[in-house]
Structures are given as structure tokens and as C-alpha cells.
């Protein structure tokens, strides 16, 4: 089992930045693909970004490309999501997820965190 705990959420102004962290325990993340997803109020959960276990491959949703950066430090069992140029429409609960496959199954990641709330004010 892998336990994932997100942190770093909070309130930001439009145009501002936040960095989310996802810490894993129970098993090393070294061989897992990691992803970030989000769910806005009244909407379906959507994919945000993913990074391969080696960190050599990443991909992003079009809505965040150029503004968000996913990264990982395997030695710390931690994945990050740097969010810049935030917009009110980025307001959502952000979830960290892990899966042994690459590319990851965006509709069926194996392990999930409980989420952290990001609120962007205009």
C-alpha cells in the first residue's frame, strides 16, 4: 500500500503562486508514475499533470500548460506541483495519485491522496 498526503493548499490571489507537495509513505515512489488531478465544485475530477518515475517525461492538461510544473524528488518520496499565474478557475481540491504504469491510466490511478483545497480569488 501507498499512502499519499497532499499539503500546500490555501488561498491565493489571481496571478499568484502556490506549491503543492505530495508525500508518500508505505512504499517508495521510485518506480511509480505520479499525477495531480483536481475537482472543482460541481464538476468532474480532471487531470492536471503527470510525471514518469524517472522524471524524464511529463505531460500537462492544456488548461495549465506553461503555468504549472510537476516535479519529483524520489529520495524524499515527494512530488510537487508548482502553480504560477493562478486563475480563479484553478480553484479546486487537488489530489495526488500514483500508478505503476506509464503512461498512467488517467481514469484509474492506483493510489490516491485525500486532497488539498486551493482557492484563487479574483
N, C-alpha and C. Protein backbone atom coordinates (compact mmCIF):
# COMPACT_ATOMS: atom_id res chain seq x y z
N UNK A 1 0.82 -1.21 0.00
CA UNK A 1 0.00 0.00 0.00
C UNK A 1 0.86 1.26 0.00
N UNK A 2 0.35 2.27 -0.64
CA UNK A 2 0.99 3.58 -0.67
C UNK A 2 0.02 4.58 -0.07
N UNK A 3 0.50 5.34 0.91
CA UNK A 3 -0.31 6.42 1.46
C UNK A 3 0.23 7.74 0.92
N UNK A 4 -0.66 8.57 0.42
CA UNK A 4 -0.29 9.84 -0.16
C UNK A 4 -0.95 10.97 0.62
N UNK A 5 -0.16 11.96 1.00
CA UNK A 5 -0.69 13.09 1.77
C UNK A 5 -0.29 14.39 1.08
N UNK A 6 -1.28 15.14 0.65
CA UNK A 6 -1.05 16.41 -0.01
C UNK A 6 -0.97 17.54 1.02
N UNK A 7 -0.22 18.57 0.68
CA UNK A 7 -0.14 19.77 1.51
C UNK A 7 0.18 20.95 0.62
N UNK A 8 0.04 22.15 1.18
CA UNK A 8 0.41 23.35 0.44
C UNK A 8 -0.76 24.12 -0.13
N UNK A 9 -1.95 23.58 0.00
CA UNK A 9 -3.11 24.30 -0.50
C UNK A 9 -3.41 25.52 0.36
N UNK A 10 -4.31 26.34 -0.13
CA UNK A 10 -4.68 27.55 0.60
C UNK A 10 -5.29 28.56 -0.31
N UNK A 11 -5.26 29.80 0.14
CA UNK A 11 -5.86 30.91 -0.60
C UNK A 11 -4.77 31.69 -1.31
N UNK A 12 -4.98 31.97 -2.58
CA UNK A 12 -4.06 32.79 -3.35
C UNK A 12 -4.86 33.78 -4.18
N UNK A 13 -4.22 34.87 -4.54
CA UNK A 13 -4.86 35.84 -5.42
C UNK A 13 -4.58 35.47 -6.88
N UNK A 14 -5.44 35.89 -7.75
CA UNK A 14 -5.22 35.67 -9.17
C UNK A 14 -3.86 36.27 -9.55
N UNK A 15 -3.10 35.51 -10.33
CA UNK A 15 -1.76 35.93 -10.71
C UNK A 15 -0.69 35.46 -9.75
N UNK A 16 -1.10 34.93 -8.61
CA UNK A 16 -0.14 34.48 -7.60
C UNK A 16 0.31 33.05 -7.83
N UNK A 17 1.02 32.53 -6.84
CA UNK A 17 1.60 31.20 -6.94
C UNK A 17 1.36 30.40 -5.67
N UNK A 18 1.34 29.10 -5.84
CA UNK A 18 1.32 28.16 -4.73
C UNK A 18 2.13 26.94 -5.14
N UNK A 19 2.70 26.25 -4.17
CA UNK A 19 3.37 24.98 -4.45
C UNK A 19 2.74 23.90 -3.60
N UNK A 20 2.22 22.90 -4.26
CA UNK A 20 1.66 21.74 -3.58
C UNK A 20 2.72 20.66 -3.44
N UNK A 21 2.64 19.93 -2.34
CA UNK A 21 3.52 18.80 -2.11
C UNK A 21 2.69 17.55 -1.88
N UNK A 22 3.24 16.43 -2.24
CA UNK A 22 2.60 15.14 -2.00
C UNK A 22 3.66 14.21 -1.44
N UNK A 23 3.50 13.84 -0.19
CA UNK A 23 4.45 12.96 0.47
C UNK A 23 3.88 11.55 0.54
N UNK A 24 4.72 10.59 0.23
CA UNK A 24 4.28 9.19 0.22
C UNK A 24 4.90 8.42 1.37
N UNK A 25 4.16 7.47 1.85
CA UNK A 25 4.68 6.55 2.85
C UNK A 25 4.14 5.16 2.56
N UNK A 26 4.77 4.17 3.16
CA UNK A 26 4.32 2.80 2.99
C UNK A 26 5.06 2.06 1.91
N UNK A 27 5.56 2.80 0.93
CA UNK A 27 6.32 2.18 -0.15
C UNK A 27 7.02 3.29 -0.91
N UNK A 28 8.19 2.98 -1.44
CA UNK A 28 8.89 4.00 -2.19
C UNK A 28 8.15 4.35 -3.48
N UNK A 29 8.19 5.62 -3.82
CA UNK A 29 7.56 6.07 -5.07
C UNK A 29 8.49 5.94 -6.26
N UNK A 30 9.67 5.41 -6.01
CA UNK A 30 10.73 5.45 -7.01
C UNK A 30 10.29 4.89 -8.36
N UNK A 31 9.44 3.88 -8.35
CA UNK A 31 9.05 3.24 -9.62
C UNK A 31 7.63 3.59 -10.06
N UNK A 32 7.02 4.55 -9.41
CA UNK A 32 5.65 4.90 -9.73
C UNK A 32 5.55 6.17 -10.56
N UNK A 33 4.63 6.17 -11.51
CA UNK A 33 4.19 7.40 -12.15
C UNK A 33 3.35 8.18 -11.14
N UNK A 34 3.56 9.49 -11.09
CA UNK A 34 2.81 10.34 -10.18
C UNK A 34 2.00 11.34 -10.96
N UNK A 35 0.83 11.65 -10.45
CA UNK A 35 -0.03 12.61 -11.13
C UNK A 35 -0.74 13.53 -10.15
N UNK A 36 -1.15 14.66 -10.69
CA UNK A 36 -2.01 15.59 -9.96
C UNK A 36 -3.32 15.71 -10.73
N UNK A 37 -4.39 15.71 -9.97
CA UNK A 37 -5.73 15.87 -10.52
C UNK A 37 -6.44 16.92 -9.68
N UNK A 38 -7.55 17.43 -10.19
CA UNK A 38 -8.31 18.40 -9.41
C UNK A 38 -9.80 18.25 -9.67
N UNK A 39 -10.56 18.68 -8.68
CA UNK A 39 -12.01 18.66 -8.81
C UNK A 39 -12.57 19.96 -8.28
N UNK A 40 -13.15 20.72 -9.18
CA UNK A 40 -13.78 21.99 -8.82
C UNK A 40 -15.21 21.73 -8.34
N UNK A 41 -15.76 22.65 -7.57
CA UNK A 41 -17.13 22.46 -7.07
C UNK A 41 -18.11 22.22 -8.21
N UNK A 42 -18.88 21.15 -8.10
CA UNK A 42 -19.90 20.85 -9.10
C UNK A 42 -19.38 20.29 -10.40
N UNK A 43 -18.09 19.96 -10.46
CA UNK A 43 -17.51 19.45 -11.70
C UNK A 43 -16.88 18.08 -11.49
N UNK A 44 -16.60 17.42 -12.60
CA UNK A 44 -15.93 16.14 -12.54
C UNK A 44 -14.44 16.35 -12.23
N UNK A 45 -13.84 15.33 -11.65
CA UNK A 45 -12.40 15.38 -11.43
C UNK A 45 -11.69 15.38 -12.78
N UNK A 46 -10.61 16.16 -12.89
CA UNK A 46 -9.88 16.24 -14.16
C UNK A 46 -8.39 16.12 -13.93
N UNK A 47 -7.74 15.66 -14.95
CA UNK A 47 -6.30 15.51 -14.94
C UNK A 47 -5.62 16.87 -15.01
N UNK A 48 -4.49 17.01 -14.28
CA UNK A 48 -3.72 18.24 -14.31
C UNK A 48 -2.32 18.00 -14.89
N UNK A 49 -1.58 17.07 -14.29
CA UNK A 49 -0.20 16.84 -14.72
C UNK A 49 0.25 15.46 -14.28
N UNK A 50 1.25 14.92 -14.98
CA UNK A 50 1.82 13.63 -14.60
C UNK A 50 3.31 13.63 -14.88
N UNK A 51 4.03 12.80 -14.14
CA UNK A 51 5.48 12.70 -14.30
C UNK A 51 5.88 11.24 -14.16
N UNK A 52 6.75 10.80 -15.05
CA UNK A 52 7.22 9.42 -15.02
C UNK A 52 8.14 9.19 -13.83
N UNK A 53 8.35 7.91 -13.50
CA UNK A 53 9.16 7.60 -12.32
C UNK A 53 10.57 8.18 -12.42
N UNK A 54 11.10 8.27 -13.62
CA UNK A 54 12.46 8.78 -13.82
C UNK A 54 12.51 10.29 -13.92
N UNK A 55 11.33 10.92 -13.94
CA UNK A 55 11.22 12.38 -14.11
C UNK A 55 11.66 12.86 -15.49
N UNK A 56 11.90 11.96 -16.40
CA UNK A 56 12.33 12.36 -17.75
C UNK A 56 11.15 12.68 -18.65
N UNK A 57 9.96 12.29 -18.26
CA UNK A 57 8.78 12.56 -19.07
C UNK A 57 7.69 13.18 -18.20
N UNK A 58 7.07 14.22 -18.75
CA UNK A 58 5.94 14.86 -18.09
C UNK A 58 4.89 15.21 -19.14
N UNK A 59 3.66 15.35 -18.72
CA UNK A 59 2.66 15.95 -19.60
C UNK A 59 1.59 16.64 -18.76
N UNK A 60 0.91 17.59 -19.41
CA UNK A 60 0.03 18.51 -18.71
C UNK A 60 -1.30 18.65 -19.45
N UNK A 61 -2.31 18.99 -18.69
CA UNK A 61 -3.57 19.40 -19.30
C UNK A 61 -3.34 20.74 -20.00
N UNK A 62 -4.01 20.96 -21.11
CA UNK A 62 -3.86 22.21 -21.86
C UNK A 62 -4.17 23.43 -20.99
N UNK A 63 -5.07 23.27 -20.05
CA UNK A 63 -5.51 24.41 -19.24
C UNK A 63 -4.43 24.92 -18.29
N UNK A 64 -3.42 24.09 -18.02
CA UNK A 64 -2.37 24.50 -17.08
C UNK A 64 -0.99 24.57 -17.73
N UNK A 65 -0.89 24.16 -18.97
CA UNK A 65 0.41 24.12 -19.66
C UNK A 65 1.02 25.50 -19.68
N UNK A 66 2.30 25.58 -19.30
CA UNK A 66 3.00 26.85 -19.27
C UNK A 66 2.85 27.60 -17.95
N UNK A 67 1.94 27.15 -17.10
CA UNK A 67 1.74 27.81 -15.80
C UNK A 67 2.10 26.90 -14.64
N UNK A 68 1.85 25.61 -14.78
CA UNK A 68 2.11 24.64 -13.72
C UNK A 68 3.31 23.77 -14.09
N UNK A 69 4.06 23.36 -13.08
CA UNK A 69 5.20 22.46 -13.29
C UNK A 69 5.17 21.35 -12.25
N UNK A 70 5.21 20.12 -12.75
CA UNK A 70 5.27 18.97 -11.85
C UNK A 70 6.72 18.51 -11.74
N UNK A 71 7.12 18.12 -10.54
CA UNK A 71 8.48 17.63 -10.34
C UNK A 71 8.46 16.60 -9.20
N UNK A 72 9.56 15.91 -9.05
CA UNK A 72 9.62 14.90 -8.00
C UNK A 72 11.04 14.75 -7.49
N UNK A 73 11.15 14.38 -6.23
CA UNK A 73 12.44 14.01 -5.64
C UNK A 73 12.24 12.63 -5.04
N UNK A 74 12.71 11.63 -5.75
CA UNK A 74 12.47 10.25 -5.32
C UNK A 74 13.11 9.95 -3.97
N UNK A 75 14.26 10.55 -3.72
CA UNK A 75 14.94 10.30 -2.44
C UNK A 75 14.11 10.80 -1.26
N UNK A 76 13.24 11.77 -1.51
CA UNK A 76 12.37 12.28 -0.46
C UNK A 76 10.96 11.71 -0.55
N UNK A 77 10.74 10.84 -1.53
CA UNK A 77 9.40 10.25 -1.71
C UNK A 77 8.33 11.34 -1.82
N UNK A 78 8.66 12.38 -2.56
CA UNK A 78 7.78 13.55 -2.63
C UNK A 78 7.64 14.03 -4.07
N UNK A 79 6.44 14.47 -4.38
CA UNK A 79 6.12 15.06 -5.68
C UNK A 79 5.57 16.46 -5.44
N UNK A 80 5.86 17.36 -6.37
CA UNK A 80 5.46 18.75 -6.21
C UNK A 80 4.64 19.21 -7.42
N UNK A 81 3.83 20.22 -7.18
CA UNK A 81 3.15 20.91 -8.27
C UNK A 81 3.31 22.40 -8.01
N UNK A 82 4.17 23.03 -8.80
CA UNK A 82 4.36 24.47 -8.73
C UNK A 82 3.32 25.13 -9.62
N UNK A 83 2.49 25.98 -9.02
CA UNK A 83 1.40 26.61 -9.76
C UNK A 83 1.64 28.11 -9.79
N UNK A 84 1.85 28.64 -10.97
CA UNK A 84 2.09 30.07 -11.17
C UNK A 84 0.95 30.67 -11.99
N UNK A 85 0.88 31.98 -11.98
CA UNK A 85 -0.14 32.70 -12.75
C UNK A 85 -1.53 32.11 -12.49
N UNK A 86 -1.84 31.92 -11.24
CA UNK A 86 -3.10 31.28 -10.88
C UNK A 86 -4.30 32.09 -11.34
N UNK A 87 -5.35 31.37 -11.69
CA UNK A 87 -6.60 31.97 -12.13
C UNK A 87 -7.73 31.50 -11.23
N UNK A 88 -8.80 32.26 -11.12
CA UNK A 88 -9.94 31.81 -10.31
C UNK A 88 -10.45 30.43 -10.72
N UNK A 89 -10.35 30.11 -12.00
CA UNK A 89 -10.82 28.80 -12.46
C UNK A 89 -9.91 27.65 -12.04
N UNK A 90 -8.78 27.96 -11.42
CA UNK A 90 -7.93 26.90 -10.85
C UNK A 90 -8.42 26.47 -9.47
N UNK A 91 -9.41 27.16 -8.94
CA UNK A 91 -9.97 26.80 -7.64
C UNK A 91 -10.52 25.38 -7.68
N UNK A 92 -10.03 24.53 -6.77
CA UNK A 92 -10.43 23.13 -6.77
C UNK A 92 -9.77 22.42 -5.60
N UNK A 93 -10.21 21.22 -5.34
CA UNK A 93 -9.47 20.31 -4.47
C UNK A 93 -8.47 19.58 -5.36
N UNK A 94 -7.22 19.61 -4.99
CA UNK A 94 -6.15 18.99 -5.78
C UNK A 94 -5.75 17.67 -5.13
N UNK A 95 -5.70 16.63 -5.94
CA UNK A 95 -5.38 15.29 -5.48
C UNK A 95 -4.09 14.80 -6.12
N UNK A 96 -3.31 14.12 -5.31
CA UNK A 96 -2.12 13.43 -5.77
C UNK A 96 -2.48 11.96 -6.00
N UNK A 97 -1.88 11.37 -7.02
CA UNK A 97 -2.18 9.97 -7.32
C UNK A 97 -0.92 9.27 -7.81
N UNK A 98 -0.89 7.96 -7.64
CA UNK A 98 0.27 7.16 -8.06
C UNK A 98 -0.19 5.92 -8.80
N UNK A 99 0.59 5.51 -9.77
CA UNK A 99 0.28 4.30 -10.52
C UNK A 99 1.58 3.70 -11.06
N UNK A 100 1.68 2.39 -11.14
CA UNK A 100 2.91 1.78 -11.64
C UNK A 100 3.09 1.88 -13.16
N UNK A 101 2.08 2.32 -13.90
CA UNK A 101 2.15 2.34 -15.36
C UNK A 101 2.55 3.68 -15.91
N UNK A 102 3.21 3.63 -17.07
CA UNK A 102 3.46 4.83 -17.90
C UNK A 102 3.16 4.47 -19.35
N UNK A 103 2.33 5.29 -20.03
CA UNK A 103 1.60 6.42 -19.45
C UNK A 103 0.56 5.96 -18.44
N UNK A 104 0.20 6.82 -17.53
CA UNK A 104 -0.72 6.42 -16.46
C UNK A 104 -2.15 6.32 -16.96
N UNK A 105 -2.94 5.47 -16.34
CA UNK A 105 -4.37 5.38 -16.67
C UNK A 105 -5.10 6.53 -15.99
N UNK A 106 -5.37 7.59 -16.73
CA UNK A 106 -5.89 8.81 -16.12
C UNK A 106 -7.24 8.62 -15.45
N UNK A 107 -7.96 7.59 -15.83
CA UNK A 107 -9.25 7.35 -15.19
C UNK A 107 -9.18 6.19 -14.21
N UNK A 108 -7.97 5.78 -13.85
CA UNK A 108 -7.88 4.63 -12.94
C UNK A 108 -6.56 4.52 -12.21
N UNK A 109 -6.05 5.64 -11.70
CA UNK A 109 -4.80 5.61 -10.95
C UNK A 109 -4.97 4.71 -9.74
N UNK A 110 -3.88 4.07 -9.37
CA UNK A 110 -3.99 3.02 -8.36
C UNK A 110 -4.16 3.55 -6.94
N UNK A 111 -3.41 4.57 -6.58
CA UNK A 111 -3.45 5.13 -5.22
C UNK A 111 -3.78 6.61 -5.28
N UNK A 112 -4.53 7.06 -4.28
CA UNK A 112 -4.97 8.46 -4.24
C UNK A 112 -4.78 9.05 -2.86
N UNK A 113 -4.45 10.34 -2.82
CA UNK A 113 -4.48 11.07 -1.57
C UNK A 113 -5.87 11.60 -1.31
N UNK A 114 -6.03 12.31 -0.21
CA UNK A 114 -7.34 12.83 0.17
C UNK A 114 -7.58 14.25 -0.31
N UNK A 115 -6.55 14.89 -0.83
CA UNK A 115 -6.74 16.19 -1.44
C UNK A 115 -6.39 17.36 -0.56
N UNK A 116 -6.11 18.49 -1.22
CA UNK A 116 -5.86 19.75 -0.55
C UNK A 116 -6.58 20.84 -1.34
N UNK A 117 -7.22 21.75 -0.63
CA UNK A 117 -8.04 22.77 -1.29
C UNK A 117 -7.21 23.97 -1.70
N UNK A 118 -7.37 24.36 -2.95
CA UNK A 118 -6.77 25.59 -3.48
C UNK A 118 -7.90 26.53 -3.87
N UNK A 119 -7.84 27.73 -3.34
CA UNK A 119 -8.84 28.75 -3.66
C UNK A 119 -8.12 29.96 -4.23
N UNK A 120 -8.53 30.38 -5.41
CA UNK A 120 -7.91 31.54 -6.06
C UNK A 120 -8.95 32.64 -6.17
N UNK A 121 -8.65 33.76 -5.55
CA UNK A 121 -9.59 34.88 -5.56
C UNK A 121 -9.25 35.85 -6.69
N UNK A 122 -10.28 36.49 -7.22
CA UNK A 122 -10.06 37.41 -8.34
C UNK A 122 -9.76 38.81 -7.86
